[in-house]
Amino acid sequence: MKTRSEGRKVPKKLSRPSPNLGVLEKAVANLGFSYKVITDVTYPRFSWKKSGLILVKKTKPKNRIISEVAQEISRLMV
């Protein structure tokens, strides 16, 4: 798990190791956000691994959206 200085955006108590795109999509959908899934993209540092991304329409501050999604992922992965 990353540290805050390495780019982790949520507190350790809410973070989960490597949630997959399906879990992220389910969490965003459960929260009622408008979103779009893009599956054929890679993170530049890991160009061999197609991880995908989810674009969420910004209706709240970004940190608030990230926090709510992290809480929902924690609830789903129990």
PDB file of N, CA and C in Angstrom:
ATOM      1  N   MET A   1       0.840  -1.169   0.000  1.00  0.00           N
ATOM      2  CA  MET A   1       0.000   0.000   0.000  1.00  0.00           C
ATOM      3  C   MET A   1       0.894   1.244   0.000  1.00  0.00           C
ATOM      4  N   LYS A   2       0.504   2.226  -0.786  1.00  0.00           N
ATOM      5  CA  LYS A   2       1.281   3.451  -0.891  1.00  0.00           C
ATOM      6  C   LYS A   2       1.153   4.296   0.374  1.00  0.00           C
ATOM      7  N   THR A   3       2.141   5.153   0.573  1.00  0.00           N
ATOM      8  CA  THR A   3       2.043   6.154   1.622  1.00  0.00           C
ATOM      9  C   THR A   3       1.391   7.394   1.021  1.00  0.00           C
ATOM     10  N   ARG A   4       1.037   8.343   1.853  1.00  0.00           N
ATOM     11  CA  ARG A   4       0.446   9.582   1.346  1.00  0.00           C
ATOM     12  C   ARG A   4       1.430  10.290   0.412  1.00  0.00           C
ATOM     13  N   SER A   5       2.730  10.283   0.753  1.00  0.00           N
ATOM     14  CA  SER A   5       3.725  10.952  -0.093  1.00  0.00           C
ATOM     15  C   SER A   5       3.922  10.234  -1.430  1.00  0.00           C
ATOM     16  N   GLU A   6       3.546   8.965  -1.509  1.00  0.00           N
ATOM     17  CA  GLU A   6       3.649   8.208  -2.763  1.00  0.00           C
ATOM     18  C   GLU A   6       2.367   8.306  -3.599  1.00  0.00           C
ATOM     19  N   GLY A   7       1.356   9.018  -3.089  1.00  0.00           N
ATOM     20  CA  GLY A   7       0.168   9.258  -3.890  1.00  0.00           C
ATOM     21  C   GLY A   7      -1.133   8.671  -3.378  1.00  0.00           C
ATOM     22  N   ARG A   8      -1.121   8.039  -2.188  1.00  0.00           N
ATOM     23  CA  ARG A   8      -2.375   7.507  -1.648  1.00  0.00           C
ATOM     24  C   ARG A   8      -3.279   8.677  -1.289  1.00  0.00           C
ATOM     25  N   LYS A   9      -4.546   8.637  -1.698  1.00  0.00           N
ATOM     26  CA  LYS A   9      -5.473   9.752  -1.524  1.00  0.00           C
ATOM     27  C   LYS A   9      -6.413   9.597  -0.327  1.00  0.00           C
ATOM     28  N   VAL A  10      -6.491   8.405   0.246  1.00  0.00           N
ATOM     29  CA  VAL A  10      -7.429   8.161   1.344  1.00  0.00           C
ATOM     30  C   VAL A  10      -6.683   7.670   2.576  1.00  0.00           C
ATOM     31  N   PRO A  11      -7.290   7.821   3.765  1.00  0.00           N
ATOM     32  CA  PRO A  11      -6.656   7.307   4.978  1.00  0.00           C
ATOM     33  C   PRO A  11      -6.483   5.785   4.922  1.00  0.00           C
ATOM     34  N   LYS A  12      -5.517   5.261   5.646  1.00  0.00           N
ATOM     35  CA  LYS A  12      -5.255   3.817   5.642  1.00  0.00           C
ATOM     36  C   LYS A  12      -6.479   3.002   6.046  1.00  0.00           C
ATOM     37  N   LYS A  13      -7.281   3.510   6.974  1.00  0.00           N
ATOM     38  CA  LYS A  13      -8.443   2.737   7.422  1.00  0.00           C
ATOM     39  C   LYS A  13      -9.480   2.560   6.315  1.00  0.00           C
ATOM     40  N   LEU A  14      -9.473   3.439   5.310  1.00  0.00           N
ATOM     41  CA  LEU A  14     -10.404   3.309   4.182  1.00  0.00           C
ATOM     42  C   LEU A  14      -9.778   2.658   2.959  1.00  0.00           C
ATOM     43  N   SER A  15      -8.467   2.568   2.925  1.00  0.00           N
ATOM     44  CA  SER A  15      -7.811   2.054   1.714  1.00  0.00           C
ATOM     45  C   SER A  15      -7.875   0.529   1.647  1.00  0.00           C
ATOM     46  N   ARG A  16      -7.941   0.035   0.420  1.00  0.00           N
ATOM     47  CA  ARG A  16      -7.944  -1.405   0.135  1.00  0.00           C
ATOM     48  C   ARG A  16      -6.885  -1.669  -0.915  1.00  0.00           C
ATOM     49  N   PRO A  17      -6.180  -2.782  -0.816  1.00  0.00           N
ATOM     50  CA  PRO A  17      -5.125  -3.069  -1.802  1.00  0.00           C
ATOM     51  C   PRO A  17      -5.710  -3.445  -3.160  1.00  0.00           C
ATOM     52  N   SER A  18      -5.359  -2.693  -4.167  1.00  0.00           N
ATOM     53  CA  SER A  18      -5.659  -2.976  -5.579  1.00  0.00           C
ATOM     54  C   SER A  18      -7.106  -3.383  -5.873  1.00  0.00           C
ATOM     55  N   PRO A  19      -8.061  -2.495  -5.639  1.00  0.00           N
ATOM     56  CA  PRO A  19      -9.426  -2.840  -6.050  1.00  0.00           C
ATOM     57  C   PRO A  19      -9.492  -2.875  -7.577  1.00  0.00           C
ATOM     58  N   ASN A  20     -10.204  -3.832  -8.136  1.00  0.00           N
ATOM     59  CA  ASN A  20     -10.265  -3.929  -9.597  1.00  0.00           C
ATOM     60  C   ASN A  20     -11.320  -2.973 -10.150  1.00  0.00           C
ATOM     61  N   LEU A  21     -11.344  -2.855 -11.458  1.00  0.00           N
ATOM     62  CA  LEU A  21     -12.231  -1.917 -12.126  1.00  0.00           C
ATOM     63  C   LEU A  21     -13.700  -2.234 -11.842  1.00  0.00           C
ATOM     64  N   GLY A  22     -14.032  -3.501 -11.732  1.00  0.00           N
ATOM     65  CA  GLY A  22     -15.411  -3.891 -11.450  1.00  0.00           C
ATOM     66  C   GLY A  22     -15.893  -3.399 -10.097  1.00  0.00           C
ATOM     67  N   VAL A  23     -15.046  -3.507  -9.088  1.00  0.00           N
ATOM     68  CA  VAL A  23     -15.403  -3.042  -7.744  1.00  0.00           C
ATOM     69  C   VAL A  23     -15.552  -1.525  -7.743  1.00  0.00           C
ATOM     70  N   LEU A  24     -14.624  -0.835  -8.420  1.00  0.00           N
ATOM     71  CA  LEU A  24     -14.716   0.624  -8.500  1.00  0.00           C
ATOM     72  C   LEU A  24     -16.004   1.054  -9.198  1.00  0.00           C
ATOM     73  N   GLU A  25     -16.334   0.374 -10.296  1.00  0.00           N
ATOM     74  CA  GLU A  25     -17.551   0.716 -11.032  1.00  0.00           C
ATOM     75  C   GLU A  25     -18.792   0.490 -10.167  1.00  0.00           C
ATOM     76  N   LYS A  26     -18.829  -0.609  -9.460  1.00  0.00           N
ATOM     77  CA  LYS A  26     -19.983  -0.905  -8.602  1.00  0.00           C
ATOM     78  C   LYS A  26     -20.125   0.145  -7.498  1.00  0.00           C
ATOM     79  N   ALA A  27     -19.003   0.564  -6.904  1.00  0.00           N
ATOM     80  CA  ALA A  27     -19.035   1.569  -5.844  1.00  0.00           C
ATOM     81  C   ALA A  27     -19.546   2.904  -6.375  1.00  0.00           C
ATOM     82  N   VAL A  28     -19.048   3.321  -7.538  1.00  0.00           N
ATOM     83  CA  VAL A  28     -19.480   4.591  -8.127  1.00  0.00           C
ATOM     84  C   VAL A  28     -20.959   4.533  -8.495  1.00  0.00           C
ATOM     85  N   ALA A  29     -21.398   3.411  -9.049  1.00  0.00           N
ATOM     86  CA  ALA A  29     -22.811   3.252  -9.418  1.00  0.00           C
ATOM     87  C   ALA A  29     -23.708   3.263  -8.178  1.00  0.00           C
ATOM     88  N   ASN A  30     -23.294   2.585  -7.119  1.00  0.00           N
ATOM     89  CA  ASN A  30     -24.088   2.545  -5.881  1.00  0.00           C
ATOM     90  C   ASN A  30     -24.281   3.937  -5.290  1.00  0.00           C
ATOM     91  N   LEU A  31     -23.282   4.797  -5.489  1.00  0.00           N
ATOM     92  CA  LEU A  31     -23.358   6.150  -4.942  1.00  0.00           C
ATOM     93  C   LEU A  31     -24.167   7.095  -5.835  1.00  0.00           C
ATOM     94  N   GLY A  32     -24.540   6.636  -7.010  1.00  0.00           N
ATOM     95  CA  GLY A  32     -25.386   7.430  -7.885  1.00  0.00           C
ATOM     96  C   GLY A  32     -24.661   8.476  -8.721  1.00  0.00           C
ATOM     97  N   PHE A  33     -23.350   8.373  -8.846  1.00  0.00           N
ATOM     98  CA  PHE A  33     -22.600   9.320  -9.663  1.00  0.00           C
ATOM     99  C   PHE A  33     -22.789   9.006 -11.147  1.00  0.00           C
ATOM    100  N   SER A  34     -22.711  10.037 -11.968  1.00  0.00           N
ATOM    101  CA  SER A  34     -22.692   9.860 -13.409  1.00  0.00           C
ATOM    102  C   SER A  34     -21.248   9.544 -13.788  1.00  0.00           C
ATOM    103  N   TYR A  35     -21.015   8.432 -14.518  1.00  0.00           N
ATOM    104  CA  TYR A  35     -19.647   8.003 -14.796  1.00  0.00           C
ATOM    105  C   TYR A  35     -19.535   7.333 -16.155  1.00  0.00           C
ATOM    106  N   LYS A  36     -18.294   7.162 -16.596  1.00  0.00           N
ATOM    107  CA  LYS A  36     -17.992   6.472 -17.845  1.00  0.00           C
ATOM    108  C   LYS A  36     -16.780   5.578 -17.606  1.00  0.00           C
ATOM    109  N   VAL A  37     -16.858   4.323 -18.020  1.00  0.00           N
ATOM    110  CA  VAL A  37     -15.767   3.361 -17.860  1.00  0.00           C
ATOM    111  C   VAL A  37     -14.985   3.270 -19.171  1.00  0.00           C
ATOM    112  N   ILE A  38     -13.662   3.351 -19.081  1.00  0.00           N
ATOM    113  CA  ILE A  38     -12.780   3.176 -20.234  1.00  0.00           C
ATOM    114  C   ILE A  38     -11.840   2.030 -19.877  1.00  0.00           C
ATOM    115  N   THR A  39     -11.953   0.919 -20.601  1.00  0.00           N
ATOM    116  CA  THR A  39     -11.213  -0.291 -20.220  1.00  0.00           C
ATOM    117  C   THR A  39      -9.862  -0.454 -20.891  1.00  0.00           C
ATOM    118  N   ASP A  40      -9.655   0.151 -22.041  1.00  0.00           N
ATOM    119  CA  ASP A  40      -8.425  -0.136 -22.796  1.00  0.00           C
ATOM    120  C   ASP A  40      -7.324   0.915 -22.620  1.00  0.00           C
ATOM    121  N   VAL A  41      -7.156   1.423 -21.408  1.00  0.00           N
ATOM    122  CA  VAL A  41      -6.094   2.387 -21.128  1.00  0.00           C
ATOM    123  C   VAL A  41      -5.144   1.823 -20.081  1.00  0.00           C
ATOM    124  N   THR A  42      -3.934   2.370 -20.052  1.00  0.00           N
ATOM    125  CA  THR A  42      -2.925   1.922 -19.089  1.00  0.00           C
ATOM    126  C   THR A  42      -2.367   3.110 -18.333  1.00  0.00           C
ATOM    127  N   TYR A  43      -1.860   2.842 -17.155  1.00  0.00           N
ATOM    128  CA  TYR A  43      -1.124   3.832 -16.380  1.00  0.00           C
ATOM    129  C   TYR A  43       0.292   3.857 -16.941  1.00  0.00           C
ATOM    130  N   PRO A  44       0.854   5.035 -17.254  1.00  0.00           N
ATOM    131  CA  PRO A  44       2.159   5.093 -17.927  1.00  0.00           C
ATOM    132  C   PRO A  44       3.283   4.296 -17.251  1.00  0.00           C
ATOM    133  N   ARG A  45       3.299   4.263 -15.936  1.00  0.00           N
ATOM    134  CA  ARG A  45       4.346   3.528 -15.233  1.00  0.00           C
ATOM    135  C   ARG A  45       4.224   2.021 -15.406  1.00  0.00           C
ATOM    136  N   PHE A  46       3.013   1.555 -15.655  1.00  0.00           N
ATOM    137  CA  PHE A  46       2.744   0.130 -15.826  1.00  0.00           C
ATOM    138  C   PHE A  46       2.100  -0.098 -17.190  1.00  0.00           C
ATOM    139  N   SER A  47       2.797   0.269 -18.247  1.00  0.00           N
ATOM    140  CA  SER A  47       2.222   0.266 -19.590  1.00  0.00           C
ATOM    141  C   SER A  47       1.837  -1.123 -20.095  1.00  0.00           C
ATOM    142  N   TRP A  48       2.377  -2.165 -19.514  1.00  0.00           N
ATOM    143  CA  TRP A  48       2.054  -3.534 -19.929  1.00  0.00           C
ATOM    144  C   TRP A  48       0.763  -4.039 -19.290  1.00  0.00           C
ATOM    145  N   LYS A  49       0.237  -3.331 -18.313  1.00  0.00           N
ATOM    146  CA  LYS A  49      -0.941  -3.767 -17.568  1.00  0.00           C
ATOM    147  C   LYS A  49      -2.125  -2.848 -17.882  1.00  0.00           C
ATOM    148  N   LYS A  50      -3.135  -3.364 -18.597  1.00  0.00           N
ATOM    149  CA  LYS A  50      -4.319  -2.570 -18.911  1.00  0.00           C
ATOM    150  C   LYS A  50      -5.248  -2.556 -17.707  1.00  0.00           C
ATOM    151  N   SER A  51      -5.244  -1.444 -16.997  1.00  0.00           N
ATOM    152  CA  SER A  51      -6.030  -1.369 -15.772  1.00  0.00           C
ATOM    153  C   SER A  51      -7.368  -0.669 -15.967  1.00  0.00           C
ATOM    154  N   GLY A  52      -7.480   0.213 -16.939  1.00  0.00           N
ATOM    155  CA  GLY A  52      -8.717   0.939 -17.177  1.00  0.00           C
ATOM    156  C   GLY A  52      -8.860   2.125 -16.246  1.00  0.00           C
ATOM    157  N   LEU A  53      -9.927   2.891 -16.475  1.00  0.00           N
ATOM    158  CA  LEU A  53     -10.207   4.032 -15.608  1.00  0.00           C
ATOM    159  C   LEU A  53     -11.687   4.332 -15.624  1.00  0.00           C
ATOM    160  N   ILE A  54     -12.107   5.096 -14.635  1.00  0.00           N
ATOM    161  CA  ILE A  54     -13.497   5.523 -14.533  1.00  0.00           C
ATOM    162  C   ILE A  54     -13.500   7.040 -14.437  1.00  0.00           C
ATOM    163  N   LEU A  55     -14.231   7.682 -15.345  1.00  0.00           N
ATOM    164  CA  LEU A  55     -14.398   9.127 -15.312  1.00  0.00           C
ATOM    165  C   LEU A  55     -15.709   9.430 -14.599  1.00  0.00           C
ATOM    166  N   VAL A  56     -15.636  10.220 -13.541  1.00  0.00           N
ATOM    167  CA  VAL A  56     -16.817  10.559 -12.751  1.00  0.00           C
ATOM    168  C   VAL A  56     -17.113  12.041 -12.956  1.00  0.00           C
ATOM    169  N   LYS A  57     -18.377  12.358 -13.249  1.00  0.00           N
ATOM    170  CA  LYS A  57     -18.764  13.754 -13.402  1.00  0.00           C
ATOM    171  C   LYS A  57     -18.619  14.445 -12.050  1.00  0.00           C
ATOM    172  N   LYS A  58     -17.899  15.561 -12.054  1.00  0.00           N
ATOM    173  CA  LYS A  58     -17.591  16.260 -10.812  1.00  0.00           C
ATOM    174  C   LYS A  58     -18.784  17.082 -10.342  1.00  0.00           C
ATOM    175  N   THR A  59     -19.473  16.567  -9.336  1.00  0.00           N
ATOM    176  CA  THR A  59     -20.616  17.264  -8.745  1.00  0.00           C
ATOM    177  C   THR A  59     -20.299  17.753  -7.340  1.00  0.00           C
ATOM    178  N   LYS A  60     -19.155  17.326  -6.818  1.00  0.00           N
ATOM    179  CA  LYS A  60     -18.678  17.688  -5.474  1.00  0.00           C
ATOM    180  C   LYS A  60     -17.175  17.898  -5.593  1.00  0.00           C
ATOM    181  N   PRO A  61     -16.517  18.406  -4.549  1.00  0.00           N
ATOM    182  CA  PRO A  61     -15.059  18.486  -4.588  1.00  0.00           C
ATOM    183  C   PRO A  61     -14.439  17.094  -4.780  1.00  0.00           C
ATOM    184  N   LYS A  62     -13.335  17.045  -5.516  1.00  0.00           N
ATOM    185  CA  LYS A  62     -12.700  15.766  -5.868  1.00  0.00           C
ATOM    186  C   LYS A  62     -12.375  14.923  -4.627  1.00  0.00           C
ATOM    187  N   ASN A  63     -11.839  15.530  -3.592  1.00  0.00           N
ATOM    188  CA  ASN A  63     -11.487  14.764  -2.390  1.00  0.00           C
ATOM    189  C   ASN A  63     -12.716  14.146  -1.738  1.00  0.00           C
ATOM    190  N   ARG A  64     -13.847  14.833  -1.816  1.00  0.00           N
ATOM    191  CA  ARG A  64     -15.091  14.303  -1.240  1.00  0.00           C
ATOM    192  C   ARG A  64     -15.571  13.095  -2.040  1.00  0.00           C
ATOM    193  N   ILE A  65     -15.485  13.178  -3.363  1.00  0.00           N
ATOM    194  CA  ILE A  65     -15.865  12.042  -4.213  1.00  0.00           C
ATOM    195  C   ILE A  65     -14.967  10.849  -3.920  1.00  0.00           C
ATOM    196  N   ILE A  66     -13.659  11.079  -3.848  1.00  0.00           N
ATOM    197  CA  ILE A  66     -12.708   9.996  -3.571  1.00  0.00           C
ATOM    198  C   ILE A  66     -13.009   9.363  -2.224  1.00  0.00           C
ATOM    199  N   SER A  67     -13.298  10.179  -1.222  1.00  0.00           N
ATOM    200  CA  SER A  67     -13.597   9.668   0.115  1.00  0.00           C
ATOM    201  C   SER A  67     -14.868   8.817   0.115  1.00  0.00           C
ATOM    202  N   GLU A  68     -15.907   9.283  -0.552  1.00  0.00           N
ATOM    203  CA  GLU A  68     -17.166   8.528  -0.605  1.00  0.00           C
ATOM    204  C   GLU A  68     -16.986   7.209  -1.344  1.00  0.00           C
ATOM    205  N   VAL A  69     -16.245   7.219  -2.443  1.00  0.00           N
ATOM    206  CA  VAL A  69     -15.994   5.987  -3.194  1.00  0.00           C
ATOM    207  C   VAL A  69     -15.183   5.024  -2.343  1.00  0.00           C
ATOM    208  N   ALA A  70     -14.183   5.526  -1.627  1.00  0.00           N
ATOM    209  CA  ALA A  70     -13.363   4.666  -0.759  1.00  0.00           C
ATOM    210  C   ALA A  70     -14.212   4.024   0.337  1.00  0.00           C
ATOM    211  N   GLN A  71     -15.127   4.775   0.924  1.00  0.00           N
ATOM    212  CA  GLN A  71     -16.008   4.226   1.948  1.00  0.00           C
ATOM    213  C   GLN A  71     -16.900   3.138   1.370  1.00  0.00           C
ATOM    214  N   GLU A  72     -17.399   3.355   0.170  1.00  0.00           N
ATOM    215  CA  GLU A  72     -18.264   2.355  -0.473  1.00  0.00           C
ATOM    216  C   GLU A  72     -17.481   1.098  -0.839  1.00  0.00           C
ATOM    217  N   ILE A  73     -16.244   1.265  -1.300  1.00  0.00           N
ATOM    218  CA  ILE A  73     -15.397   0.109  -1.609  1.00  0.00           C
ATOM    219  C   ILE A  73     -15.121  -0.694  -0.340  1.00  0.00           C
ATOM    220  N   SER A  74     -14.855  -0.002   0.759  1.00  0.00           N
ATOM    221  CA  SER A  74     -14.640  -0.682   2.044  1.00  0.00           C
ATOM    222  C   SER A  74     -15.857  -1.508   2.422  1.00  0.00           C
ATOM    223  N   ARG A  75     -17.042  -0.943   2.206  1.00  0.00           N
ATOM    224  CA  ARG A  75     -18.283  -1.655   2.528  1.00  0.00           C
ATOM    225  C   ARG A  75     -18.473  -2.862   1.622  1.00  0.00           C
ATOM    226  N   LEU A  76     -18.131  -2.720   0.333  1.00  0.00           N
ATOM    227  CA  LEU A  76     -18.318  -3.814  -0.621  1.00  0.00           C
ATOM    228  C   LEU A  76     -17.314  -4.954  -0.434  1.00  0.00           C
ATOM    229  N   MET A  77     -16.111  -4.634   0.004  1.00  0.00           N
ATOM    230  CA  MET A  77     -15.050  -5.640   0.081  1.00  0.00           C
ATOM    231  C   MET A  77     -14.955  -6.317   1.447  1.00  0.00           C
ATOM    232  N   VAL A  78     -15.931  -6.136   2.293  1.00  0.00           N
ATOM    233  CA  VAL A  78     -15.912  -6.783   3.617  1.00  0.00           C
ATOM    234  C   VAL A  78     -16.291  -8.228   3.518  1.00  0.00           C
TER     235      VAL A  78
END
